[in-house]
Protein backbone atom coordinates (compact mmCIF):
# COMPACT_ATOMS: atom_id res chain seq x y z
CA MET A 1 -96.35 27.87 -13.49
CA SER A 2 -96.03 25.59 -16.51
CA ASP A 3 -96.00 21.55 -16.57
CA ILE A 4 -92.84 20.18 -16.78
CA THR A 5 -91.22 17.05 -18.82
CA VAL A 6 -88.28 15.73 -16.73
CA PRO A 7 -86.48 12.22 -16.97
CA VAL A 8 -86.64 11.93 -13.07
CA LEU A 9 -88.94 13.33 -10.34
CA VAL A 10 -87.09 12.85 -6.77
CA VAL A 11 -90.22 13.10 -3.92
CA GLY A 12 -88.00 13.78 -0.84
CA GLY A 13 -85.08 16.34 -0.26
CA GLY A 14 -83.70 14.54 2.97
CA GLY A 15 -80.67 12.65 2.86
CA CYS A 16 -81.86 9.93 0.44
CA GLY A 17 -83.40 12.37 -1.94
CA LEU A 18 -80.52 14.97 -1.93
CA THR A 19 -77.78 11.96 -2.67
CA THR A 20 -80.25 10.92 -5.17
CA SER A 21 -79.83 14.36 -7.31
CA ILE A 22 -76.33 14.47 -6.32
CA LEU A 23 -75.66 11.06 -8.04
CA LEU A 24 -78.22 11.68 -10.94
CA SER A 25 -76.01 14.92 -11.62
CA GLU A 26 -72.84 13.20 -11.82
CA HIS A 27 -74.21 10.87 -14.63
CA GLY A 28 -75.64 14.02 -16.56
CA ILE A 29 -79.43 13.04 -15.90
CA ASP A 30 -81.98 16.11 -15.85
CA HIS A 31 -84.64 15.67 -12.53
CA HIS A 32 -86.76 17.59 -10.48
CA LEU A 33 -86.88 17.44 -6.82
CA VAL A 34 -89.58 18.28 -4.74
CA GLU A 35 -89.78 18.41 -0.55
CA ARG A 36 -92.57 19.75 1.29
CA HIS A 37 -91.00 21.33 3.88
CA THR A 38 -89.01 24.58 3.22
CA GLY A 39 -85.98 23.74 4.51
CA THR A 40 -83.61 20.65 5.37
CA SER A 41 -83.89 18.79 8.73
CA HIS A 42 -84.70 20.99 11.99
CA LEU A 43 -83.58 17.76 14.22
CA PRO A 44 -80.28 15.98 14.38
CA LYS A 45 -81.74 12.65 13.49
CA ALA A 46 -79.20 10.14 12.32
CA HIS A 47 -75.36 11.58 12.25
CA TYR A 48 -72.99 8.54 12.28
CA LEU A 49 -71.93 7.76 8.45
CA ASN A 50 -70.27 4.51 8.10
CA GLN A 51 -67.17 3.48 5.72
CA ARG A 52 -69.40 2.48 2.61
CA THR A 53 -71.30 5.74 2.69
CA MET A 54 -68.15 7.60 3.02
CA GLU A 55 -67.22 5.80 -0.15
CA VAL A 56 -70.12 6.66 -2.43
CA LEU A 57 -69.89 10.09 -0.96
CA ARG A 58 -65.94 10.14 -2.03
CA GLN A 59 -67.20 8.48 -5.38
CA VAL A 60 -68.81 12.04 -6.12
CA GLY A 61 -66.68 14.64 -4.58
CA VAL A 62 -68.77 15.04 -1.29
CA ALA A 63 -67.17 13.02 1.43
CA ASP A 64 -63.83 15.65 1.93
CA SER A 65 -66.18 18.60 2.71
CA ILE A 66 -67.89 16.37 5.21
CA TYR A 67 -64.46 15.28 6.56
CA GLU A 68 -63.86 18.78 7.00
CA VAL A 69 -66.67 19.80 9.61
CA GLY A 70 -67.15 16.12 11.06
CA THR A 71 -66.09 14.50 13.79
CA PRO A 72 -62.32 13.44 13.25
CA PRO A 73 -61.57 9.88 14.01
CA ARG A 74 -59.81 10.14 17.11
CA LYS A 75 -62.97 12.42 18.72
CA MET A 76 -65.05 9.26 17.60
CA GLY A 77 -63.38 6.01 19.02
CA LYS A 78 -65.10 5.14 22.20
CA THR A 79 -68.56 4.37 23.35
CA ARG A 80 -68.72 4.32 27.33
CA TRP A 81 -71.60 3.12 29.72
CA VAL A 82 -71.67 5.56 32.86
CA THR A 83 -73.87 5.59 36.00
CA SER A 84 -74.21 9.68 35.55
CA LEU A 85 -71.80 12.54 34.19
CA GLY A 86 -71.50 14.28 37.58
CA GLY A 87 -72.72 13.79 41.17
CA ASP A 88 -71.01 13.00 44.63
CA GLY A 89 -73.05 10.01 45.87
CA GLU A 90 -71.36 6.91 46.44
CA LEU A 91 -72.37 5.60 42.87
CA ASP A 92 -72.40 8.62 41.00
CA GLY A 93 -69.96 9.73 37.97
CA ARG A 94 -68.89 6.00 37.60
CA THR A 95 -67.51 4.35 34.56
CA LEU A 96 -68.93 0.68 34.08
CA PHE A 97 -67.41 0.09 30.59
CA THR A 98 -65.80 1.27 27.59
CA LEU A 99 -65.69 -0.31 24.21
CA GLU A 100 -63.59 0.99 20.92
CA SER A 101 -66.39 1.65 18.50
CA PHE A 102 -66.33 2.91 14.76
CA GLY A 103 -62.91 1.93 13.87
CA GLY A 104 -61.27 3.64 16.70
CA GLY A 105 -58.47 2.55 18.86
CA ARG A 106 -57.30 -0.85 17.98
CA LEU A 107 -59.80 -1.53 15.10
CA GLU A 108 -57.94 1.43 13.04
CA SER A 109 -55.82 -0.63 11.06
CA ALA A 110 -58.39 -3.20 10.08
CA TYR A 111 -61.01 -0.74 9.16
CA ALA A 112 -58.19 1.22 7.17
CA VAL A 113 -57.04 -1.63 5.30
CA ASP A 114 -60.26 -2.26 4.19
CA SER A 115 -61.14 1.13 2.67
CA PRO A 116 -59.77 4.28 1.31
CA CYS A 117 -62.33 6.08 3.63
CA PRO A 118 -62.48 6.21 7.57
CA SER A 119 -66.27 6.40 9.06
CA SER A 120 -67.42 10.15 9.71
CA ASN A 121 -69.96 11.61 12.28
CA TYR A 122 -72.04 14.57 11.04
CA PRO A 123 -75.90 15.08 12.53
CA GLN A 124 -78.56 15.04 9.90
CA ILE A 125 -79.39 18.86 10.95
CA ARG A 126 -76.27 19.94 9.47
CA LEU A 127 -75.31 17.13 6.95
CA GLU A 128 -78.66 18.02 5.11
CA ARG A 129 -77.93 21.47 4.33
CA LEU A 130 -74.51 20.66 3.10
CA LEU A 131 -76.08 17.61 0.74
CA ARG A 132 -78.68 20.40 -0.50
CA GLN A 133 -75.96 22.39 -1.47
CA HIS A 134 -74.07 20.16 -3.23
CA ALA A 135 -77.19 19.33 -4.84
CA GLU A 136 -78.09 22.67 -5.82
CA ASP A 137 -74.51 23.51 -7.12
CA ARG A 138 -74.79 20.58 -9.64
CA ALA A 139 -78.22 20.93 -10.55
CA PRO A 140 -79.14 24.57 -10.51
CA GLY A 141 -82.79 25.72 -10.61
CA SER A 142 -83.77 21.69 -10.08
CA ILE A 143 -83.95 21.39 -6.01
CA HIS A 144 -87.34 22.63 -4.89
CA PHE A 145 -88.45 23.44 -0.92
CA GLY A 146 -91.41 23.95 0.00
CA ARG A 147 -93.33 22.15 -3.12
CA GLU A 148 -95.69 18.97 -1.89
CA LEU A 149 -96.69 15.87 -3.92
CA VAL A 150 -100.49 16.30 -4.23
CA SER A 151 -101.44 13.12 -6.56
CA PHE A 152 -99.77 11.01 -9.08
CA GLU A 153 -100.53 8.33 -11.55
CA GLN A 154 -98.32 6.05 -14.10
CA ASP A 155 -98.97 4.56 -17.20
CA ASP A 156 -96.73 3.05 -19.79
CA ASP A 157 -94.99 6.50 -20.78
CA GLY A 158 -94.11 7.50 -17.42
CA VAL A 159 -95.44 9.25 -13.96
CA HIS A 160 -97.52 12.16 -13.82
CA ALA A 161 -97.21 14.00 -10.30
CA VAL A 162 -99.27 17.17 -9.57
CA ILE A 163 -97.49 19.31 -7.02
CA VAL A 164 -98.29 22.11 -5.34
CA ASN A 165 -96.08 25.34 -4.35
CA ARG A 166 -97.13 25.58 -0.63
CA GLU A 167 -96.26 29.28 -0.45
CA THR A 168 -97.97 30.33 -3.33
CA GLN A 169 -100.49 27.26 -3.77
CA GLU A 170 -100.27 27.28 -7.36
CA THR A 171 -100.40 23.55 -8.69
CA TYR A 172 -98.05 22.00 -11.88
CA THR A 173 -97.80 18.61 -13.35
CA VAL A 174 -94.34 16.69 -13.59
CA HIS A 175 -94.33 14.38 -16.53
CA ALA A 176 -91.12 12.12 -15.75
CA GLN A 177 -90.44 8.77 -17.01
CA TYR A 178 -89.76 7.65 -13.44
CA MET A 179 -90.01 8.47 -10.12
CA VAL A 180 -87.95 8.23 -7.02
CA ALA A 181 -90.02 8.26 -3.31
CA ALA A 182 -87.47 9.31 -0.84
CA ASP A 183 -90.59 10.93 0.87
CA GLY A 184 -89.98 8.70 4.09
CA GLY A 185 -92.94 6.63 3.36
CA LYS A 186 -95.45 9.60 4.32
CA THR A 187 -97.17 9.67 0.63
CA VAL A 188 -96.41 7.52 -2.29
CA GLY A 189 -96.07 3.94 -0.50
CA PRO A 190 -99.43 4.24 1.13
CA GLU A 191 -101.06 5.37 -2.14
CA LEU A 192 -99.29 2.47 -3.81
CA GLY A 193 -100.67 0.20 -1.39
CA ILE A 194 -97.13 -0.58 -0.22
CA THR A 195 -97.42 -2.65 2.83
CA MET A 196 -94.92 -1.72 5.65
CA GLU A 197 -94.00 -5.40 7.19
CA GLY A 198 -92.69 -5.63 10.86
CA PRO A 199 -93.08 -4.55 14.23
CA SER A 200 -94.00 -0.75 14.83
CA GLY A 201 -95.36 1.07 17.89
CA ILE A 202 -93.02 -0.37 20.40
CA LEU A 203 -91.83 2.67 22.43
CA ASP A 204 -91.79 6.31 22.26
CA MET A 205 -88.46 7.74 21.68
CA VAL A 206 -87.88 11.06 23.17
CA SER A 207 -84.88 12.84 21.86
CA THR A 208 -83.99 16.15 23.35
CA HIS A 209 -81.11 18.33 21.14
CA PHE A 210 -79.74 20.94 23.79
CA THR A 211 -76.94 23.20 23.99
CA ALA A 212 -74.76 22.83 27.34
CA ASP A 213 -70.95 22.76 28.58
CA LEU A 214 -70.30 19.39 29.62
CA SER A 215 -66.58 19.46 29.06
CA GLN A 216 -65.81 18.89 32.55
CA TRP A 217 -67.52 15.66 32.14
CA TRP A 218 -67.45 14.50 28.81
CA GLU A 219 -64.02 12.20 27.67
CA ASP A 220 -62.47 13.64 24.33
CA ASP A 221 -62.61 10.36 22.43
CA VAL A 222 -66.03 9.35 23.43
CA LEU A 223 -68.80 10.11 20.66
CA ILE A 224 -71.71 8.17 22.63
CA THR A 225 -72.27 7.90 26.27
CA TRP A 226 -74.82 5.51 27.81
CA LEU A 227 -76.38 6.23 31.20
CA LEU A 228 -77.10 3.13 33.50
CA ASN A 229 -78.17 3.95 37.20
CA PRO A 230 -80.60 3.06 39.89
CA GLU A 231 -82.93 6.21 39.42
CA GLY A 232 -82.84 5.12 35.06
CA ALA A 233 -83.48 1.40 36.12
CA GLY A 234 -82.12 0.59 32.39
CA SER A 235 -80.10 1.50 29.12
CA TRP A 236 -83.14 2.82 27.32
CA SER A 237 -84.70 4.27 30.28
CA SER A 238 -81.73 6.16 31.58
CA GLY A 239 -81.02 7.09 28.43
CA ALA A 240 -78.07 7.36 25.73
CA MET A 241 -76.45 10.59 24.83
CA ALA A 242 -74.15 11.86 21.51
CA ALA A 243 -72.34 14.75 20.90
CA MET A 244 -73.31 16.97 18.16
CA GLY A 245 -70.43 19.46 17.89
CA PRO A 246 -70.02 21.81 15.83
CA THR A 247 -66.86 21.49 18.17
CA TRP A 248 -65.97 17.84 18.37
CA GLY A 249 -64.54 15.69 21.34
CA LYS A 250 -65.17 16.86 25.13
CA HIS A 251 -65.75 20.67 23.85
CA SER A 252 -68.51 19.85 22.18
CA GLU A 253 -71.44 22.68 22.57
CA GLU A 254 -74.57 20.30 21.34
CA PHE A 255 -75.77 17.02 22.55
CA VAL A 256 -78.72 14.79 21.90
CA LEU A 257 -80.20 12.74 24.85
CA HIS A 258 -82.33 9.68 23.64
CA PHE A 259 -84.75 7.90 26.19
CA THR A 260 -87.90 5.92 25.72
CA PHE A 261 -91.29 5.85 27.16
CA ARG A 262 -94.19 3.24 26.68
CA PRO A 263 -96.23 4.59 23.56
CA ASP A 264 -99.37 4.79 26.39
CA ASP A 265 -97.75 6.67 29.06
CA PRO A 266 -99.34 10.01 29.33
CA ALA A 267 -95.88 11.46 30.83
CA ARG A 268 -94.16 10.99 27.17
CA PHE A 269 -95.75 14.40 26.37
CA ASP A 270 -94.99 16.34 29.18
CA GLU A 271 -91.90 18.59 27.89
CA ASP A 272 -91.64 20.89 30.92
CA ALA A 273 -90.73 17.25 32.95
CA ILE A 274 -87.85 16.88 30.12
CA VAL A 275 -85.38 19.16 31.47
CA PRO A 276 -85.83 18.45 35.21
CA ARG A 277 -85.35 14.56 34.42
CA ILE A 278 -82.04 15.30 32.04
CA ARG A 279 -80.62 16.76 35.10
CA GLU A 280 -81.88 14.13 37.20
CA LEU A 281 -80.21 11.58 34.86
CA LEU A 282 -77.19 13.30 34.40
CA LYS A 283 -77.01 14.12 37.78
CA LEU A 284 -76.23 17.90 37.74
CA PRO A 285 -79.03 19.67 39.00
CA ASP A 286 -77.87 22.95 38.35
CA LEU A 287 -76.99 22.17 34.61
CA GLU A 288 -77.48 25.51 32.50
CA MET A 289 -78.65 24.27 29.19
CA THR A 290 -80.47 25.50 26.22
CA VAL A 291 -83.33 23.20 24.82
CA HIS A 292 -83.27 23.28 21.13
CA LYS A 293 -86.05 20.56 20.05
CA VAL A 294 -87.92 17.87 21.64
CA SER A 295 -89.12 15.16 19.17
CA HIS A 296 -90.85 12.16 19.53
CA TRP A 297 -90.78 9.19 17.28
CA ILE A 298 -92.34 5.91 17.26
CA LEU A 299 -89.70 3.00 17.70
CA GLU A 300 -90.48 0.17 14.47
CA GLY A 301 -88.55 -2.26 12.21
CA VAL A 302 -90.39 -2.04 9.53
CA LEU A 303 -89.95 -2.98 5.49
CA ALA A 304 -91.70 -2.75 2.19
CA ASP A 305 -92.93 -5.37 0.79
CA LYS A 306 -91.98 -3.72 -2.61
CA TYR A 307 -89.21 -1.44 -3.38
CA GLN A 308 -90.81 -0.84 -7.38
CA VAL A 309 -94.45 -0.40 -8.99
CA GLY A 310 -94.04 -0.15 -12.40
CA ARG A 311 -91.58 3.40 -12.46
CA ILE A 312 -91.83 4.09 -9.10
CA PHE A 313 -89.09 3.45 -6.68
CA LEU A 314 -88.83 3.40 -2.94
CA ALA A 315 -85.33 4.54 -1.24
CA GLY A 316 -84.81 5.31 1.99
CA ASP A 317 -86.98 5.73 4.76
CA ALA A 318 -89.82 4.89 2.60
CA ALA A 319 -88.54 1.68 2.03
CA HIS A 320 -86.96 0.77 5.49
CA ARG A 321 -87.49 2.12 8.77
CA HIS A 322 -84.82 1.34 11.93
CA PRO A 323 -84.06 1.46 15.36
CA PRO A 324 -81.12 3.93 15.74
CA THR A 325 -78.84 1.30 16.93
CA THR A 326 -75.84 0.72 14.18
CA GLY A 327 -76.82 3.90 12.80
CA LEU A 328 -78.11 1.90 9.74
CA GLY A 329 -80.85 4.00 8.72
CA LEU A 330 -79.31 6.92 6.68
CA ASN A 331 -76.68 4.90 5.36
CA THR A 332 -78.79 2.03 4.01
CA ALA A 333 -80.77 5.09 2.18
CA VAL A 334 -77.59 6.87 0.70
CA GLN A 335 -76.54 3.25 -0.52
CA ASP A 336 -80.18 2.56 -2.19
CA ALA A 337 -79.70 5.87 -3.81
CA HIS A 338 -76.33 4.74 -5.11
CA ASN A 339 -77.49 1.44 -6.66
CA LEU A 340 -80.75 2.77 -8.28
CA ALA A 341 -78.79 6.09 -9.80
CA TRP A 342 -76.68 4.42 -12.00
CA LYS A 343 -79.26 1.97 -13.21
CA LEU A 344 -81.69 4.88 -13.98
CA ALA A 345 -78.62 6.77 -15.98
CA ALA A 346 -78.07 3.55 -17.86
CA VAL A 347 -81.85 2.92 -18.93
CA LEU A 348 -82.54 6.56 -19.57
CA LYS A 349 -79.01 7.04 -21.97
CA GLY A 350 -80.13 3.70 -23.67
CA ASP A 351 -77.19 1.79 -22.74
CA ALA A 352 -79.41 -0.81 -20.85
CA ALA A 353 -82.86 -2.14 -21.35
CA PRO A 354 -85.77 -1.05 -18.91
CA ALA A 355 -85.53 -4.60 -17.21
CA LEU A 356 -82.14 -3.41 -15.53
CA LEU A 357 -84.09 -1.32 -13.30
CA ASP A 358 -85.62 -4.84 -12.14
CA THR A 359 -83.01 -5.88 -10.27
CA TYR A 360 -83.18 -2.70 -7.80
CA GLU A 361 -85.38 -4.62 -5.35
CA PRO A 362 -83.55 -7.78 -5.24
CA GLU A 363 -80.64 -6.26 -4.65
CA ARG A 364 -81.48 -3.49 -2.01
CA ARG A 365 -84.62 -5.24 -0.08
CA LEU A 366 -82.46 -8.23 0.88
CA VAL A 367 -79.89 -5.59 2.15
CA GLY A 368 -82.80 -3.33 3.69
CA MET A 369 -84.29 -6.66 5.47
CA ARG A 370 -80.94 -7.66 6.85
CA ASN A 371 -80.38 -3.95 8.35
CA VAL A 372 -83.68 -3.66 9.57
CA ASP A 373 -83.40 -7.31 11.57
CA TRP A 374 -79.75 -5.97 12.62
CA ALA A 375 -80.91 -2.58 14.17
CA MET A 376 -83.81 -4.31 15.99
CA PHE A 377 -81.58 -6.91 17.28
CA THR A 378 -78.99 -4.38 18.49
CA PHE A 379 -81.46 -2.41 20.07
CA LEU A 380 -82.80 -4.78 22.23
CA ASN A 381 -79.75 -6.50 23.11
CA HIS A 382 -79.22 -3.36 25.37
CA MET A 383 -81.66 -5.01 27.49
CA VAL A 384 -79.32 -8.25 27.86
CA ILE A 385 -76.85 -5.63 28.92
CA ASP A 386 -79.40 -4.42 31.62
CA ALA A 387 -79.70 -7.89 32.88
CA GLY A 388 -75.67 -8.68 32.78
CA LEU A 389 -75.79 -6.18 35.25
CA GLY A 390 -78.68 -7.51 37.38
CA LEU A 391 -81.22 -4.90 36.60
CA ILE A 392 -84.60 -6.64 36.59
CA PRO A 393 -87.50 -4.46 35.44
CA GLY A 394 -90.10 -4.04 38.33
CA GLN A 395 -87.63 -4.13 40.78
CA PRO A 396 -87.75 -1.54 43.46
CA VAL A 397 -85.30 1.35 43.58
CA GLU A 398 -83.34 0.10 46.61
CA ALA A 399 -82.67 -3.37 45.05
CA GLN A 400 -81.50 -1.45 41.80
CA VAL A 401 -79.24 0.38 44.23
CA GLN A 402 -77.75 -2.72 45.42
CA VAL A 403 -77.24 -3.88 42.14
CA PHE A 404 -74.53 -1.04 41.68
CA ARG A 405 -72.92 -1.48 44.99
CA ASP A 406 -72.48 -4.84 44.33
CA PHE A 407 -70.92 -4.28 41.10
CA PHE A 408 -68.46 -1.43 42.49
CA SER A 409 -67.96 -3.40 45.85
CA ASP A 410 -64.41 -4.44 46.42
CA THR A 411 -65.23 -8.04 46.96
CA PRO A 412 -64.99 -11.43 45.26
CA MET A 413 -68.87 -11.19 44.07
CA GLY A 414 -68.07 -7.48 43.02
CA GLU A 415 -65.29 -8.95 40.58
CA THR A 416 -67.46 -11.46 39.24
CA ARG A 417 -70.19 -8.92 38.55
CA ARG A 418 -67.73 -6.85 36.75
CA ALA A 419 -66.17 -9.66 35.02
CA ARG A 420 -70.09 -10.63 33.76
CA ALA A 421 -70.95 -7.48 32.57
CA ALA A 422 -68.03 -6.93 30.88
CA GLU A 423 -68.98 -10.15 28.93
CA VAL A 424 -72.05 -8.92 28.33
CA ILE A 425 -71.56 -5.65 27.25
CA SER A 426 -68.90 -6.52 24.96
CA THR A 427 -71.52 -8.26 23.02
CA GLN A 428 -72.62 -4.93 21.84
CA ARG A 429 -70.02 -4.68 19.11
CA THR A 430 -72.52 -5.77 17.08
CA GLU A 431 -73.58 -2.31 17.01
CA PHE A 432 -70.61 -0.52 17.41
CA GLN A 433 -68.17 -2.72 15.56
CA ALA A 434 -69.95 -3.58 12.92
CA HIS A 435 -67.32 -4.10 9.92
CA ASP A 436 -68.36 -6.74 7.78
CA LEU A 437 -72.23 -5.73 8.13
CA GLU A 438 -71.35 -2.33 7.00
CA ILE A 439 -69.06 -3.13 3.83
CA GLY A 440 -69.51 -6.35 3.31
CA PHE A 441 -72.84 -6.66 2.25
CA SER A 442 -73.17 -8.41 -1.42
CA TYR A 443 -76.15 -8.88 -3.93
CA PRO A 444 -76.66 -12.69 -4.55
CA GLU A 445 -78.70 -12.05 -7.54
CA GLY A 446 -79.56 -8.81 -9.99
CA ALA A 447 -77.49 -6.75 -12.49
CA LEU A 448 -74.61 -9.42 -12.36
CA VAL A 449 -73.44 -12.96 -13.69
CA PRO A 450 -72.81 -15.46 -10.97
CA ASP A 451 -69.58 -17.43 -11.31
CA GLY A 452 -70.89 -20.77 -9.16
CA THR A 453 -68.23 -19.93 -6.47
CA GLU A 454 -68.99 -20.00 -2.99
CA ALA A 455 -69.40 -16.71 -0.98
CA PRO A 456 -66.74 -16.00 1.68
CA PRO A 457 -67.93 -16.67 5.34
CA ARG A 458 -70.01 -13.72 7.08
CA ASP A 459 -69.07 -13.48 10.94
CA PRO A 460 -72.27 -13.80 12.79
CA MET A 461 -71.04 -11.03 14.93
CA GLY A 462 -71.06 -8.67 12.12
CA HIS A 463 -67.48 -7.56 12.62
CA THR A 464 -64.98 -9.56 10.88
CA TYR A 465 -65.23 -8.63 6.47
CA TYR A 466 -63.63 -11.05 4.14
CA PRO A 467 -62.48 -9.13 1.05
CA THR A 468 -63.63 -10.84 -2.30
CA THR A 469 -63.99 -10.06 -5.89
CA ARG A 470 -66.82 -12.88 -6.51
CA PRO A 471 -69.73 -11.43 -8.26
CA GLY A 472 -72.35 -9.21 -6.62
CA HIS A 473 -69.81 -7.87 -3.68
CA ARG A 474 -68.24 -4.76 -3.57
CA LEU A 475 -65.14 -4.63 -4.99
CA PRO A 476 -61.98 -4.78 -2.50
CA HIS A 477 -60.16 -1.53 -1.84
CA ALA A 478 -56.48 -1.79 -2.25
CA TRP A 479 -53.93 1.29 -2.70
CA ILE A 480 -52.26 1.15 -6.27
CA GLU A 481 -50.22 3.79 -8.51
CA HIS A 482 -51.15 5.40 -11.69
CA ASP A 483 -49.22 8.38 -13.07
CA GLY A 484 -47.14 8.59 -9.84
CA ARG A 485 -50.28 8.87 -7.68
CA GLN A 486 -51.57 6.62 -5.47
CA ILE A 487 -55.07 6.01 -5.39
CA SER A 488 -57.98 3.34 -4.92
CA THR A 489 -59.04 0.93 -6.78
CA HIS A 490 -62.45 2.12 -6.30
CA ASP A 491 -61.49 5.19 -7.88
CA LEU A 492 -61.44 3.27 -11.37
CA THR A 493 -65.03 3.78 -12.04
CA GLY A 494 -64.49 7.49 -11.91
CA ASN A 495 -67.46 9.87 -10.54
CA ASN A 496 -69.98 6.76 -10.61
CA ALA A 497 -70.12 6.90 -14.44
CA HIS A 498 -68.90 4.06 -16.01
CA PHE A 499 -67.87 0.37 -16.11
CA VAL A 500 -64.55 -0.66 -15.42
CA LEU A 501 -62.58 -4.21 -16.52
CA ILE A 502 -59.85 -4.70 -14.23
CA THR A 503 -56.81 -7.23 -15.90
CA ALA A 504 -53.59 -8.20 -14.69
CA THR A 505 -50.21 -8.59 -16.51
CA ASP A 506 -51.30 -10.76 -19.07
CA GLY A 507 -54.81 -9.22 -19.91
CA ALA A 508 -54.34 -7.81 -23.38
CA ALA A 509 -56.80 -10.30 -25.04
CA TRP A 510 -59.70 -8.53 -22.41
CA SER A 511 -58.47 -5.08 -23.63
CA ASP A 512 -59.38 -6.34 -26.78
CA ALA A 513 -62.80 -7.79 -25.67
CA ALA A 514 -63.50 -4.40 -23.91
CA ARG A 515 -63.01 -2.48 -27.26
CA LEU A 516 -65.57 -4.98 -28.93
CA ALA A 517 -67.93 -4.90 -26.31
CA MET A 518 -68.10 -1.11 -26.33
CA ASP A 519 -68.74 -1.15 -29.89
CA LYS A 520 -71.43 -3.67 -29.61
CA PHE A 521 -73.57 -1.77 -26.68
CA GLY A 522 -72.24 1.53 -27.06
CA VAL A 523 -71.35 1.81 -23.20
CA GLN A 524 -68.11 3.25 -21.70
CA ILE A 525 -65.71 0.80 -20.03
CA LYS A 526 -62.45 1.96 -18.80
CA VAL A 527 -59.39 -0.97 -19.01
CA ALA A 528 -57.32 -0.99 -15.78
CA GLN A 529 -54.17 -3.37 -16.58
CA ILE A 530 -52.90 -3.85 -12.80
CA GLY A 531 -48.99 -5.41 -12.14
CA ASP A 532 -45.66 -4.46 -12.89
CA GLY A 533 -44.70 -3.00 -16.27
CA THR A 534 -48.65 -1.41 -16.72
CA ASP A 535 -50.43 1.62 -16.47
CA TYR A 536 -51.16 0.82 -12.84
CA THR A 537 -48.98 -0.55 -10.21
CA ASP A 538 -49.39 -2.70 -7.29
CA PRO A 539 -46.45 -1.69 -4.95
CA THR A 540 -47.23 -3.35 -1.64
CA GLY A 541 -48.67 -6.27 -3.47
CA ARG A 542 -51.69 -5.65 -1.89
CA TRP A 543 -53.89 -6.25 -4.64
CA SER A 544 -52.36 -9.34 -5.97
CA GLU A 545 -53.50 -10.95 -2.38
CA LEU A 546 -57.25 -9.77 -3.10
CA ARG A 547 -57.77 -9.63 -6.64
CA GLN A 548 -58.63 -13.79 -6.76
CA ILE A 549 -57.66 -13.86 -10.54
CA ASP A 550 -54.78 -15.09 -12.40
CA ASP A 551 -52.85 -12.73 -14.47
CA THR A 552 -54.80 -13.85 -17.35
CA GLY A 553 -58.07 -12.85 -15.75
CA ALA A 554 -60.37 -10.04 -15.47
CA ILE A 555 -62.88 -8.71 -13.20
CA LEU A 556 -66.13 -6.39 -14.49
CA VAL A 557 -66.88 -4.00 -12.10
CA ARG A 558 -70.07 -1.85 -12.08
CA PRO A 559 -70.30 2.02 -11.83
CA ASP A 560 -71.58 1.40 -8.30
CA ASN A 561 -68.14 -0.35 -7.26
CA HIS A 562 -69.84 -4.06 -7.22
CA VAL A 563 -68.51 -6.71 -9.46
CA ALA A 564 -70.66 -7.76 -12.06
CA TRP A 565 -68.52 -10.70 -13.34
CA ARG A 566 -65.04 -12.20 -13.55
CA SER A 567 -63.69 -14.84 -15.04
CA THR A 568 -60.71 -15.95 -12.81
CA GLY A 569 -58.20 -17.17 -16.01
CA THR A 570 -58.32 -17.00 -19.56
CA ALA A 571 -61.16 -17.31 -21.73
CA ALA A 572 -61.25 -19.44 -25.20
CA ASP A 573 -63.12 -16.44 -26.90
CA PRO A 574 -62.76 -13.36 -24.22
CA ALA A 575 -64.47 -11.09 -26.65
CA ASP A 576 -67.69 -13.54 -26.80
CA GLU A 577 -67.35 -14.13 -22.63
CA LEU A 578 -67.30 -10.49 -21.87
CA THR A 579 -69.87 -9.57 -24.51
CA ARG A 580 -72.36 -12.33 -23.01
CA ALA A 581 -71.65 -11.01 -19.35
CA LEU A 582 -72.16 -7.27 -20.40
CA GLY A 583 -75.51 -8.08 -22.12
CA THR A 584 -76.80 -9.94 -18.91
CA VAL A 585 -75.82 -7.14 -17.02
CA LEU A 586 -77.53 -4.58 -18.90
CA SER A 587 -80.56 -6.59 -19.75
CA ARG A 588 -79.66 -6.75 -23.18
């Protein structure tokens, strides 16, 4: 195969790499994606897609295809803790606690008012196939599975990478101006000398993907079920189960069950013992089940010390690897791609100086750090739940049985134990009700112009979101009307392609300023005047509550729907102020 010259080389065809491809295609940026495996993931892996991720995918026309096949909100609104699914013993099949999750139940209205998108759930084993189809449809001939990065080097002109076709063993060289390493940290990061900081080798997680009919025991609105029983001795020893579809609710055909071993426990590789252990934990000794795959992975919470080395950028698992709790791994990866793609496009098209790309690391690494820490925190908090029930490591089984008997007893102490457990288990809302953590993250520095205002409060438990138009924050969502249609404020940026200047009823001066800024920099700025008598109206008044500018102010929104700059009121010279702000954002 002949050598290839292309603007961007994407290494990795998982969720992050495929999303990067889709986003680059929406910007009209040619690229070459290589993935060493011949197909997409054969493991369920990540499955929860939070609201911010669905907003990203909605922006490029992918979200609806996920909603069509993913878990409906009403089928994923609860998490429950049970002693087992079946069994006829005194402690079998008992529910300990149920927690509303992912915007379900009483959470629905708060989640709905803050985003045009509900969360979704679709296991990576199917999601990656869907993303691959979208990527190939947008960039035919650019997505190459079964090809592996062999070596690479970079110089002032670009990145030069040797690729091998694993089927034919032919090699070729890709000459790219930039490279995105979405390879899970397997090749590029180590070669660059990047250090992954944080704890690793904590536990060996065993995930079993299987098919079984659990409709008799599964609740229709539950996505995740935690097992807590005397035999398992604790949350991660007993295990956590998630429905994997493709039918959702109690009739889900497939499931994944996670539990842990110590990394030095030789039993972790005894896969013949896995099915008997699952039947024992579920208390379903005669359960017919087909095991598709038993996978092992080492629990870690690590963050790359660099996200960028010259013309090479790390994204997704190459930059951060998390415990599974709160579902932050894939979601953070998709949002990395979202942040990077518009910047690569702006530089490659000549709209921005290369220094714009230097804002990727300071913006995304802080978010990655927060999310790694949060996932580790919520993972370990399950052990707090164990303690809240009265389970102590090393207890004999007889003592653990007594813990559960006391919990369910019709006695004053039983009532106290249940009350204490409810209080402790409710702290796990940091995992299942992390609304602010998921959509409220912001960039304190980067491709933006701070306005000196104080940031809104952050809920230390990660739940309550405070919308704001302060620079660096995600643009608040509000439903507005245009040409008789209801649209979101997020729709104003189109398919991740242009800046938007949002003004109010007295914002005519800013429209003139936008035209001058476009002439100076050659970039597209859409002006959206929202208010009575304008092209965009605010029929509910929600946008007026959120905008934090007066009728003479303006908000500049980046293609990724983060606020770049704002003027809360009029300016002495709107054209000069907007031009300087845009120049700062574009590093020009």
